[in-house]
């Protein structure tokens, strides 16, 4: 199974924006690990938005 380039760019951009990590460091992660960070960031953002 291949993972779409657009999806990879979106995930890398999302994590890099929020954690200020380099794209290379993010791309070096296994997909499952990168996806977990995406999910955790989304959960943090959801909690922050609900508190407002």
N, C-alpha and C. Protein backbone atom coordinates (compact mmCIF):
# COMPACT_ATOMS: atom_id res chain seq x y z
N UNK A 1 0.84 -1.17 0.00
CA UNK A 1 0.00 0.00 0.00
C UNK A 1 0.89 1.24 0.00
N UNK A 2 0.55 2.19 -0.81
CA UNK A 2 1.30 3.44 -0.85
C UNK A 2 0.52 4.51 -0.12
N UNK A 3 1.25 5.48 0.32
CA UNK A 3 0.67 6.59 1.06
C UNK A 3 0.80 7.82 0.18
N UNK A 4 -0.28 8.51 -0.08
CA UNK A 4 -0.29 9.63 -1.00
C UNK A 4 0.63 10.76 -0.60
N UNK A 5 1.32 11.31 -1.59
CA UNK A 5 2.26 12.40 -1.33
C UNK A 5 1.57 13.60 -0.69
N UNK A 6 0.35 13.90 -1.13
CA UNK A 6 -0.37 15.03 -0.55
C UNK A 6 -0.61 14.82 0.94
N UNK A 7 -0.91 13.60 1.32
CA UNK A 7 -1.16 13.29 2.74
C UNK A 7 0.13 13.41 3.55
N UNK A 8 1.23 12.95 2.98
CA UNK A 8 2.51 13.06 3.68
C UNK A 8 2.88 14.52 3.88
N UNK A 9 2.74 15.33 2.84
CA UNK A 9 3.03 16.76 2.97
C UNK A 9 2.16 17.41 4.05
N UNK A 10 0.89 17.04 4.08
CA UNK A 10 -0.02 17.61 5.08
C UNK A 10 0.41 17.22 6.49
N UNK A 11 0.74 15.96 6.70
CA UNK A 11 1.16 15.50 8.02
C UNK A 11 2.45 16.18 8.46
N UNK A 12 3.44 16.22 7.56
CA UNK A 12 4.72 16.83 7.89
C UNK A 12 4.54 18.31 8.18
N UNK A 13 3.77 18.99 7.39
CA UNK A 13 3.53 20.42 7.60
C UNK A 13 2.84 20.68 8.93
N UNK A 14 1.88 19.86 9.26
CA UNK A 14 1.11 20.00 10.49
C UNK A 14 2.01 19.84 11.72
N UNK A 15 2.80 18.78 11.73
CA UNK A 15 3.70 18.54 12.86
C UNK A 15 4.79 19.61 12.92
N UNK A 16 5.36 19.95 11.79
CA UNK A 16 6.43 20.95 11.75
C UNK A 16 5.91 22.30 12.25
N UNK A 17 4.71 22.66 11.85
CA UNK A 17 4.13 23.95 12.27
C UNK A 17 3.95 24.00 13.78
N UNK A 18 3.43 22.94 14.34
CA UNK A 18 3.10 22.95 15.77
C UNK A 18 4.29 22.67 16.68
N UNK A 19 5.20 21.81 16.26
CA UNK A 19 6.32 21.44 17.13
C UNK A 19 7.64 22.05 16.68
N UNK A 20 7.64 22.70 15.55
CA UNK A 20 8.86 23.36 15.03
C UNK A 20 10.00 22.36 14.80
N UNK A 21 9.64 21.16 14.40
CA UNK A 21 10.63 20.15 14.06
C UNK A 21 10.93 20.26 12.57
N UNK A 22 12.10 19.83 12.17
CA UNK A 22 12.47 19.89 10.76
C UNK A 22 11.69 18.84 9.97
N UNK A 23 11.40 19.14 8.71
CA UNK A 23 10.72 18.15 7.87
C UNK A 23 11.50 16.83 7.79
N UNK A 24 12.82 16.91 7.73
CA UNK A 24 13.61 15.67 7.66
C UNK A 24 13.41 14.81 8.90
N UNK A 25 13.38 15.44 10.07
CA UNK A 25 13.19 14.68 11.31
C UNK A 25 11.82 14.02 11.31
N UNK A 26 10.83 14.70 10.82
CA UNK A 26 9.47 14.15 10.79
C UNK A 26 9.38 13.03 9.76
N UNK A 27 10.00 13.22 8.60
CA UNK A 27 9.97 12.18 7.57
C UNK A 27 10.74 10.93 7.97
N UNK A 28 11.69 11.07 8.88
CA UNK A 28 12.45 9.91 9.36
C UNK A 28 11.61 9.01 10.26
N UNK A 29 10.49 9.50 10.75
CA UNK A 29 9.63 8.70 11.62
C UNK A 29 8.89 7.64 10.81
N UNK A 30 8.56 6.55 11.49
CA UNK A 30 7.66 5.57 10.89
C UNK A 30 6.29 6.24 10.75
N UNK A 31 5.53 5.78 9.77
CA UNK A 31 4.22 6.39 9.53
C UNK A 31 3.34 6.37 10.77
N UNK A 32 3.31 5.27 11.49
CA UNK A 32 2.45 5.16 12.67
C UNK A 32 2.84 6.19 13.73
N UNK A 33 4.13 6.41 13.91
CA UNK A 33 4.59 7.38 14.89
C UNK A 33 4.21 8.80 14.47
N UNK A 34 4.40 9.11 13.19
CA UNK A 34 4.05 10.44 12.68
C UNK A 34 2.54 10.67 12.82
N UNK A 35 1.76 9.67 12.50
CA UNK A 35 0.31 9.78 12.60
C UNK A 35 -0.11 9.98 14.06
N UNK A 36 0.57 9.35 14.98
CA UNK A 36 0.26 9.53 16.40
C UNK A 36 0.50 10.98 16.82
N UNK A 37 1.58 11.58 16.36
CA UNK A 37 1.82 12.99 16.67
C UNK A 37 0.72 13.88 16.07
N UNK A 38 0.30 13.57 14.86
CA UNK A 38 -0.79 14.33 14.24
C UNK A 38 -2.05 14.23 15.11
N UNK A 39 -2.36 13.04 15.58
CA UNK A 39 -3.54 12.85 16.41
C UNK A 39 -3.42 13.59 17.75
N UNK A 40 -2.24 13.56 18.34
CA UNK A 40 -2.04 14.25 19.61
C UNK A 40 -2.16 15.76 19.45
N UNK A 41 -1.60 16.29 18.39
CA UNK A 41 -1.71 17.73 18.13
C UNK A 41 -3.17 18.12 17.94
N UNK A 42 -3.90 17.31 17.18
CA UNK A 42 -5.33 17.58 16.96
C UNK A 42 -6.09 17.57 18.27
N UNK A 43 -5.77 16.63 19.17
CA UNK A 43 -6.44 16.56 20.46
C UNK A 43 -6.13 17.80 21.31
N UNK A 44 -4.88 18.23 21.29
CA UNK A 44 -4.49 19.44 22.02
C UNK A 44 -5.26 20.64 21.48
N UNK A 45 -5.31 20.77 20.16
CA UNK A 45 -6.02 21.90 19.55
C UNK A 45 -7.51 21.86 19.89
N UNK A 46 -8.09 20.68 19.90
CA UNK A 46 -9.50 20.54 20.25
C UNK A 46 -9.76 20.99 21.68
N UNK A 47 -8.91 20.55 22.61
CA UNK A 47 -9.07 20.95 24.01
C UNK A 47 -8.93 22.47 24.16
N UNK A 48 -7.95 23.04 23.50
CA UNK A 48 -7.75 24.49 23.60
C UNK A 48 -8.95 25.25 23.04
N UNK A 49 -9.49 24.78 21.93
CA UNK A 49 -10.65 25.45 21.33
C UNK A 49 -11.89 25.31 22.19
N UNK A 50 -12.04 24.19 22.89
CA UNK A 50 -13.19 23.99 23.76
C UNK A 50 -13.11 24.88 25.01
N UNK A 51 -11.89 25.19 25.44
CA UNK A 51 -11.71 26.03 26.62
C UNK A 51 -12.04 27.50 26.35
N UNK A 52 -12.03 27.89 25.11
CA UNK A 52 -12.29 29.30 24.76
C UNK A 52 -13.72 29.64 24.84
